[in-house]
């Protein structure tokens, strides 16, 4: 129980630190950091959309395989 409480406390501390960093970044008026983050987000969205479109059929086949394996394993 003591370990769980310590883990929860560490998680709350880290959450608070992340929040403080986010506020600091959002308050930064230089624009350089925000522009950099917007470029990163744009790249992630574009690359993600490309892969989803390209591998859509493969993803569906893999997912169906996982579901079928779960069904046969658990007798559903």
PDB file of N, CA and C in Angstrom:
ATOM      1  N   UNK A   1       0.823  -1.190   0.000  1.00  0.00           N
ATOM      2  CA  UNK A   1       0.000   0.000   0.000  1.00  0.00           C
ATOM      3  C   UNK A   1       0.871   1.261   0.000  1.00  0.00           C
ATOM      4  N   UNK A   2       1.999   1.170   0.694  1.00  0.00           N
ATOM      5  CA  UNK A   2       2.895   2.318   0.771  1.00  0.00           C
ATOM      6  C   UNK A   2       3.474   2.644  -0.605  1.00  0.00           C
ATOM      7  N   UNK A   3       3.791   1.591  -1.390  1.00  0.00           N
ATOM      8  CA  UNK A   3       4.341   1.803  -2.728  1.00  0.00           C
ATOM      9  C   UNK A   3       3.309   2.461  -3.643  1.00  0.00           C
ATOM     10  N   UNK A   4       2.053   2.029  -3.515  1.00  0.00           N
ATOM     11  CA  UNK A   4       0.995   2.609  -4.346  1.00  0.00           C
ATOM     12  C   UNK A   4       0.829   4.087  -4.027  1.00  0.00           C
ATOM     13  N   UNK A   5       0.833   4.430  -2.736  1.00  0.00           N
ATOM     14  CA  UNK A   5       0.713   5.835  -2.347  1.00  0.00           C
ATOM     15  C   UNK A   5       1.884   6.647  -2.869  1.00  0.00           C
ATOM     16  N   UNK A   6       3.085   6.076  -2.831  1.00  0.00           N
ATOM     17  CA  UNK A   6       4.263   6.776  -3.335  1.00  0.00           C
ATOM     18  C   UNK A   6       4.161   6.979  -4.845  1.00  0.00           C
ATOM     19  N   UNK A   7       3.692   5.951  -5.566  1.00  0.00           N
ATOM     20  CA  UNK A   7       3.514   6.074  -7.008  1.00  0.00           C
ATOM     21  C   UNK A   7       2.481   7.140  -7.346  1.00  0.00           C
ATOM     22  N   UNK A   8       1.390   7.166  -6.588  1.00  0.00           N
ATOM     23  CA  UNK A   8       0.357   8.176  -6.829  1.00  0.00           C
ATOM     24  C   UNK A   8       0.902   9.574  -6.574  1.00  0.00           C
ATOM     25  N   UNK A   9       1.683   9.727  -5.513  1.00  0.00           N
ATOM     26  CA  UNK A   9       2.267  11.019  -5.191  1.00  0.00           C
ATOM     27  C   UNK A   9       3.232  11.457  -6.293  1.00  0.00           C
ATOM     28  N   UNK A  10       4.074  10.532  -6.759  1.00  0.00           N
ATOM     29  CA  UNK A  10       4.999  10.851  -7.846  1.00  0.00           C
ATOM     30  C   UNK A  10       4.248  11.230  -9.119  1.00  0.00           C
ATOM     31  N   UNK A  11       3.160  10.525  -9.409  1.00  0.00           N
ATOM     32  CA  UNK A  11       2.355  10.842 -10.577  1.00  0.00           C
ATOM     33  C   UNK A  11       1.737  12.224 -10.492  1.00  0.00           C
ATOM     34  N   UNK A  12       1.251  12.587  -9.315  1.00  0.00           N
ATOM     35  CA  UNK A  12       0.654  13.912  -9.130  1.00  0.00           C
ATOM     36  C   UNK A  12       1.711  15.000  -9.263  1.00  0.00           C
ATOM     37  N   UNK A  13       2.901  14.751  -8.734  1.00  0.00           N
ATOM     38  CA  UNK A  13       3.987  15.737  -8.846  1.00  0.00           C
ATOM     39  C   UNK A  13       4.373  15.931 -10.300  1.00  0.00           C
ATOM     40  N   UNK A  14       4.519  14.838 -11.048  1.00  0.00           N
ATOM     41  CA  UNK A  14       4.897  14.932 -12.456  1.00  0.00           C
ATOM     42  C   UNK A  14       3.810  15.629 -13.274  1.00  0.00           C
ATOM     43  N   UNK A  15       2.547  15.350 -12.953  1.00  0.00           N
ATOM     44  CA  UNK A  15       1.441  16.004 -13.646  1.00  0.00           C
ATOM     45  C   UNK A  15       1.485  17.511 -13.427  1.00  0.00           C
ATOM     46  N   UNK A  16       1.770  17.900 -12.202  1.00  0.00           N
ATOM     47  CA  UNK A  16       1.855  19.331 -11.888  1.00  0.00           C
ATOM     48  C   UNK A  16       3.010  19.981 -12.650  1.00  0.00           C
ATOM     49  N   UNK A  17       4.145  19.297 -12.729  1.00  0.00           N
ATOM     50  CA  UNK A  17       5.299  19.834 -13.461  1.00  0.00           C
ATOM     51  C   UNK A  17       4.995  19.993 -14.939  1.00  0.00           C
ATOM     52  N   UNK A  18       4.329  19.011 -15.513  1.00  0.00           N
ATOM     53  CA  UNK A  18       3.968  19.092 -16.934  1.00  0.00           C
ATOM     54  C   UNK A  18       3.031  20.267 -17.160  1.00  0.00           C
ATOM     55  N   UNK A  19       2.076  20.445 -16.266  1.00  0.00           N
ATOM     56  CA  UNK A  19       1.159  21.571 -16.385  1.00  0.00           C
ATOM     57  C   UNK A  19       1.876  22.904 -16.294  1.00  0.00           C
ATOM     58  N   UNK A  20       2.842  22.996 -15.385  1.00  0.00           N
ATOM     59  CA  UNK A  20       3.603  24.233 -15.248  1.00  0.00           C
ATOM     60  C   UNK A  20       4.418  24.521 -16.502  1.00  0.00           C
ATOM     61  N   UNK A  21       4.998  23.478 -17.092  1.00  0.00           N
ATOM     62  CA  UNK A  21       5.764  23.658 -18.328  1.00  0.00           C
ATOM     63  C   UNK A  21       4.855  24.114 -19.469  1.00  0.00           C
ATOM     64  N   UNK A  22       3.672  23.513 -19.547  1.00  0.00           N
ATOM     65  CA  UNK A  22       2.741  23.893 -20.609  1.00  0.00           C
ATOM     66  C   UNK A  22       2.328  25.354 -20.469  1.00  0.00           C
ATOM     67  N   UNK A  23       2.063  25.785 -19.239  1.00  0.00           N
ATOM     68  CA  UNK A  23       1.688  27.182 -19.013  1.00  0.00           C
ATOM     69  C   UNK A  23       2.842  28.103 -19.394  1.00  0.00           C
ATOM     70  N   UNK A  24       4.053  27.722 -19.034  1.00  0.00           N
ATOM     71  CA  UNK A  24       5.224  28.531 -19.364  1.00  0.00           C
ATOM     72  C   UNK A  24       5.392  28.653 -20.879  1.00  0.00           C
ATOM     73  N   UNK A  25       5.180  27.562 -21.603  1.00  0.00           N
ATOM     74  CA  UNK A  25       5.310  27.586 -23.065  1.00  0.00           C
ATOM     75  C   UNK A  25       4.228  28.469 -23.676  1.00  0.00           C
ATOM     76  N   UNK A  26       2.995  28.345 -23.157  1.00  0.00           N
ATOM     77  CA  UNK A  26       1.905  29.131 -23.715  1.00  0.00           C
ATOM     78  C   UNK A  26       2.056  30.620 -23.413  1.00  0.00           C
ATOM     79  N   UNK A  27       2.706  30.953 -22.317  1.00  0.00           N
ATOM     80  CA  UNK A  27       2.897  32.358 -21.960  1.00  0.00           C
ATOM     81  C   UNK A  27       4.082  32.983 -22.693  1.00  0.00           C
ATOM     82  N   UNK A  28       4.928  32.147 -23.292  1.00  0.00           N
ATOM     83  CA  UNK A  28       6.096  32.648 -24.010  1.00  0.00           C
ATOM     84  C   UNK A  28       5.638  33.417 -25.248  1.00  0.00           C
ATOM     85  N   UNK A  29       5.980  34.678 -25.327  1.00  0.00           N
ATOM     86  CA  UNK A  29       5.513  35.536 -26.407  1.00  0.00           C
ATOM     87  C   UNK A  29       6.468  35.577 -27.603  1.00  0.00           C
ATOM     88  N   UNK A  30       7.591  34.877 -27.509  1.00  0.00           N
ATOM     89  CA  UNK A  30       8.559  34.963 -28.602  1.00  0.00           C
ATOM     90  C   UNK A  30       8.025  34.344 -29.888  1.00  0.00           C
ATOM     91  N   UNK A  31       7.188  33.351 -29.762  1.00  0.00           N
ATOM     92  CA  UNK A  31       6.593  32.726 -30.935  1.00  0.00           C
ATOM     93  C   UNK A  31       7.421  31.610 -31.532  1.00  0.00           C
ATOM     94  N   UNK A  32       8.716  31.575 -31.244  1.00  0.00           N
ATOM     95  CA  UNK A  32       9.576  30.552 -31.826  1.00  0.00           C
ATOM     96  C   UNK A  32       9.166  29.159 -31.367  1.00  0.00           C
ATOM     97  N   UNK A  33       8.921  29.011 -30.069  1.00  0.00           N
ATOM     98  CA  UNK A  33       8.561  27.693 -29.556  1.00  0.00           C
ATOM     99  C   UNK A  33       7.206  27.245 -30.083  1.00  0.00           C
ATOM    100  N   UNK A  34       6.257  28.157 -30.095  1.00  0.00           N
ATOM    101  CA  UNK A  34       4.922  27.795 -30.544  1.00  0.00           C
ATOM    102  C   UNK A  34       4.943  27.442 -32.030  1.00  0.00           C
ATOM    103  N   UNK A  35       5.681  28.194 -32.815  1.00  0.00           N
ATOM    104  CA  UNK A  35       5.790  27.889 -34.242  1.00  0.00           C
ATOM    105  C   UNK A  35       6.409  26.511 -34.449  1.00  0.00           C
ATOM    106  N   UNK A  36       7.434  26.205 -33.685  1.00  0.00           N
ATOM    107  CA  UNK A  36       8.061  24.890 -33.778  1.00  0.00           C
ATOM    108  C   UNK A  36       7.093  23.775 -33.442  1.00  0.00           C
ATOM    109  N   UNK A  37       6.295  23.972 -32.381  1.00  0.00           N
ATOM    110  CA  UNK A  37       5.321  22.949 -31.990  1.00  0.00           C
ATOM    111  C   UNK A  37       4.237  22.801 -33.047  1.00  0.00           C
ATOM    112  N   UNK A  38       3.812  23.903 -33.647  1.00  0.00           N
ATOM    113  CA  UNK A  38       2.792  23.818 -34.692  1.00  0.00           C
ATOM    114  C   UNK A  38       3.311  23.056 -35.912  1.00  0.00           C
ATOM    115  N   UNK A  39       4.575  23.261 -36.240  1.00  0.00           N
ATOM    116  CA  UNK A  39       5.177  22.518 -37.359  1.00  0.00           C
ATOM    117  C   UNK A  39       5.236  21.028 -37.041  1.00  0.00           C
ATOM    118  N   UNK A  40       5.625  20.689 -35.824  1.00  0.00           N
ATOM    119  CA  UNK A  40       5.690  19.278 -35.419  1.00  0.00           C
ATOM    120  C   UNK A  40       4.305  18.649 -35.477  1.00  0.00           C
ATOM    121  N   UNK A  41       3.302  19.344 -34.962  1.00  0.00           N
ATOM    122  CA  UNK A  41       1.933  18.811 -34.973  1.00  0.00           C
ATOM    123  C   UNK A  41       1.457  18.622 -36.409  1.00  0.00           C
ATOM    124  N   UNK A  42       1.736  19.591 -37.270  1.00  0.00           N
ATOM    125  CA  UNK A  42       1.345  19.483 -38.672  1.00  0.00           C
ATOM    126  C   UNK A  42       1.995  18.273 -39.334  1.00  0.00           C
ATOM    127  N   UNK A  43       3.283  18.079 -39.096  1.00  0.00           N
ATOM    128  CA  UNK A  43       3.981  16.926 -39.680  1.00  0.00           C
ATOM    129  C   UNK A  43       3.409  15.609 -39.182  1.00  0.00           C
ATOM    130  N   UNK A  44       3.119  15.533 -37.887  1.00  0.00           N
ATOM    131  CA  UNK A  44       2.557  14.306 -37.319  1.00  0.00           C
ATOM    132  C   UNK A  44       1.195  14.006 -37.941  1.00  0.00           C
ATOM    133  N   UNK A  45       0.368  15.028 -38.091  1.00  0.00           N
ATOM    134  CA  UNK A  45      -0.960  14.829 -38.672  1.00  0.00           C
ATOM    135  C   UNK A  45      -0.851  14.395 -40.132  1.00  0.00           C
ATOM    136  N   UNK A  46       0.010  15.046 -40.896  1.00  0.00           N
ATOM    137  CA  UNK A  46       0.149  14.705 -42.316  1.00  0.00           C
ATOM    138  C   UNK A  46       0.702  13.296 -42.488  1.00  0.00           C
ATOM    139  N   UNK A  47       1.749  12.966 -41.762  1.00  0.00           N
ATOM    140  CA  UNK A  47       2.337  11.621 -41.867  1.00  0.00           C
ATOM    141  C   UNK A  47       1.347  10.568 -41.380  1.00  0.00           C
ATOM    142  N   UNK A  48       0.645  10.859 -40.275  1.00  0.00           N
ATOM    143  CA  UNK A  48      -0.360   9.922 -39.768  1.00  0.00           C
ATOM    144  C   UNK A  48      -1.477   9.686 -40.767  1.00  0.00           C
ATOM    145  N   UNK A  49      -1.954  10.753 -41.399  1.00  0.00           N
ATOM    146  CA  UNK A  49      -3.014  10.619 -42.400  1.00  0.00           C
ATOM    147  C   UNK A  49      -2.526   9.799 -43.593  1.00  0.00           C
ATOM    148  N   UNK A  50      -1.284  10.038 -44.017  1.00  0.00           N
ATOM    149  CA  UNK A  50      -0.723   9.274 -45.124  1.00  0.00           C
ATOM    150  C   UNK A  50      -0.681   7.782 -44.804  1.00  0.00           C
ATOM    151  N   UNK A  51      -0.163   7.450 -43.610  1.00  0.00           N
ATOM    152  CA  UNK A  51      -0.064   6.036 -43.243  1.00  0.00           C
ATOM    153  C   UNK A  51      -1.431   5.400 -43.061  1.00  0.00           C
ATOM    154  N   UNK A  52      -2.369   6.135 -42.483  1.00  0.00           N
ATOM    155  CA  UNK A  52      -3.707   5.573 -42.326  1.00  0.00           C
ATOM    156  C   UNK A  52      -4.349   5.297 -43.682  1.00  0.00           C
ATOM    157  N   UNK A  53      -4.188   6.214 -44.608  1.00  0.00           N
ATOM    158  CA  UNK A  53      -4.772   6.025 -45.944  1.00  0.00           C
ATOM    159  C   UNK A  53      -4.068   4.890 -46.684  1.00  0.00           C
ATOM    160  N   UNK A  54      -2.748   4.859 -46.584  1.00  0.00           N
ATOM    161  CA  UNK A  54      -1.976   3.852 -47.303  1.00  0.00           C
ATOM    162  C   UNK A  54      -2.205   2.450 -46.750  1.00  0.00           C
ATOM    163  N   UNK A  55      -2.243   2.329 -45.435  1.00  0.00           N
ATOM    164  CA  UNK A  55      -2.313   1.006 -44.809  1.00  0.00           C
ATOM    165  C   UNK A  55      -3.671   0.710 -44.214  1.00  0.00           C
ATOM    166  N   UNK A  56      -4.724   1.382 -44.705  1.00  0.00           N
ATOM    167  CA  UNK A  56      -6.060   1.199 -44.151  1.00  0.00           C
ATOM    168  C   UNK A  56      -6.519  -0.255 -44.239  1.00  0.00           C
ATOM    169  N   UNK A  57      -6.344  -0.867 -45.389  1.00  0.00           N
ATOM    170  CA  UNK A  57      -6.774  -2.259 -45.564  1.00  0.00           C
ATOM    171  C   UNK A  57      -5.965  -3.192 -44.682  1.00  0.00           C
ATOM    172  N   UNK A  58      -4.673  -2.948 -44.561  1.00  0.00           N
ATOM    173  CA  UNK A  58      -3.822  -3.789 -43.715  1.00  0.00           C
ATOM    174  C   UNK A  58      -4.225  -3.676 -42.255  1.00  0.00           C
ATOM    175  N   UNK A  59      -4.542  -2.471 -41.835  1.00  0.00           N
ATOM    176  CA  UNK A  59      -4.949  -2.265 -40.444  1.00  0.00           C
ATOM    177  C   UNK A  59      -6.232  -3.027 -40.159  1.00  0.00           C
ATOM    178  N   UNK A  60      -7.171  -2.979 -41.094  1.00  0.00           N
ATOM    179  CA  UNK A  60      -8.434  -3.696 -40.914  1.00  0.00           C
ATOM    180  C   UNK A  60      -8.189  -5.203 -40.850  1.00  0.00           C
ATOM    181  N   UNK A  61      -7.332  -5.720 -41.724  1.00  0.00           N
ATOM    182  CA  UNK A  61      -7.026  -7.153 -41.722  1.00  0.00           C
ATOM    183  C   UNK A  61      -6.355  -7.578 -40.415  1.00  0.00           C
ATOM    184  N   UNK A  62      -5.411  -6.770 -39.951  1.00  0.00           N
ATOM    185  CA  UNK A  62      -4.716  -7.086 -38.694  1.00  0.00           C
ATOM    186  C   UNK A  62      -5.701  -7.067 -37.538  1.00  0.00           C
ATOM    187  N   UNK A  63      -6.561  -6.049 -37.499  1.00  0.00           N
ATOM    188  CA  UNK A  63      -7.544  -5.953 -36.408  1.00  0.00           C
ATOM    189  C   UNK A  63      -8.488  -7.151 -36.437  1.00  0.00           C
ATOM    190  N   UNK A  64      -8.977  -7.517 -37.608  1.00  0.00           N
ATOM    191  CA  UNK A  64      -9.868  -8.674 -37.711  1.00  0.00           C
ATOM    192  C   UNK A  64      -9.156  -9.948 -37.279  1.00  0.00           C
ATOM    193  N   UNK A  65      -7.885 -10.066 -37.602  1.00  0.00           N
ATOM    194  CA  UNK A  65      -7.112 -11.218 -37.147  1.00  0.00           C
ATOM    195  C   UNK A  65      -7.004 -11.281 -35.632  1.00  0.00           C
ATOM    196  N   UNK A  66      -6.793 -10.129 -35.011  1.00  0.00           N
ATOM    197  CA  UNK A  66      -6.710 -10.073 -33.544  1.00  0.00           C
ATOM    198  C   UNK A  66      -8.041 -10.463 -32.928  1.00  0.00           C
ATOM    199  N   UNK A  67      -9.136  -9.934 -33.473  1.00  0.00           N
ATOM    200  CA  UNK A  67     -10.465 -10.247 -32.943  1.00  0.00           C
ATOM    201  C   UNK A  67     -10.774 -11.721 -33.115  1.00  0.00           C
ATOM    202  N   UNK A  68     -10.471 -12.283 -34.287  1.00  0.00           N
ATOM    203  CA  UNK A  68     -10.728 -13.708 -34.518  1.00  0.00           C
ATOM    204  C   UNK A  68      -9.907 -14.584 -33.583  1.00  0.00           C
ATOM    205  N   UNK A  69      -8.650 -14.216 -33.354  1.00  0.00           N
ATOM    206  CA  UNK A  69      -7.801 -14.985 -32.446  1.00  0.00           C
ATOM    207  C   UNK A  69      -8.358 -14.926 -31.023  1.00  0.00           C
ATOM    208  N   UNK A  70      -8.827 -13.756 -30.611  1.00  0.00           N
ATOM    209  CA  UNK A  70      -9.421 -13.625 -29.273  1.00  0.00           C
ATOM    210  C   UNK A  70     -10.676 -14.473 -29.162  1.00  0.00           C
ATOM    211  N   UNK A  71     -11.482 -14.461 -30.221  1.00  0.00           N
ATOM    212  CA  UNK A  71     -12.722 -15.240 -30.199  1.00  0.00           C
ATOM    213  C   UNK A  71     -12.425 -16.740 -30.098  1.00  0.00           C
ATOM    214  N   UNK A  72     -11.448 -17.222 -30.872  1.00  0.00           N
ATOM    215  CA  UNK A  72     -11.142 -18.653 -30.821  1.00  0.00           C
ATOM    216  C   UNK A  72     -10.454 -19.025 -29.506  1.00  0.00           C
ATOM    217  N   UNK A  73      -9.664 -18.130 -28.973  1.00  0.00           N
ATOM    218  CA  UNK A  73      -8.963 -18.414 -27.714  1.00  0.00           C
ATOM    219  C   UNK A  73      -9.938 -18.517 -26.557  1.00  0.00           C
ATOM    220  N   UNK A  74     -10.892 -17.589 -26.512  1.00  0.00           N
ATOM    221  CA  UNK A  74     -11.822 -17.533 -25.387  1.00  0.00           C
ATOM    222  C   UNK A  74     -13.149 -18.222 -25.691  1.00  0.00           C
ATOM    223  N   UNK A  75     -13.295 -18.793 -26.862  1.00  0.00           N
ATOM    224  CA  UNK A  75     -14.495 -19.552 -27.202  1.00  0.00           C
ATOM    225  C   UNK A  75     -15.731 -18.688 -27.329  1.00  0.00           C
ATOM    226  N   UNK A  76     -15.566 -17.515 -27.832  1.00  0.00           N
ATOM    227  CA  UNK A  76     -16.719 -16.603 -27.965  1.00  0.00           C
ATOM    228  C   UNK A  76     -17.410 -16.876 -29.284  1.00  0.00           C
TER     229      UNK A  76
END
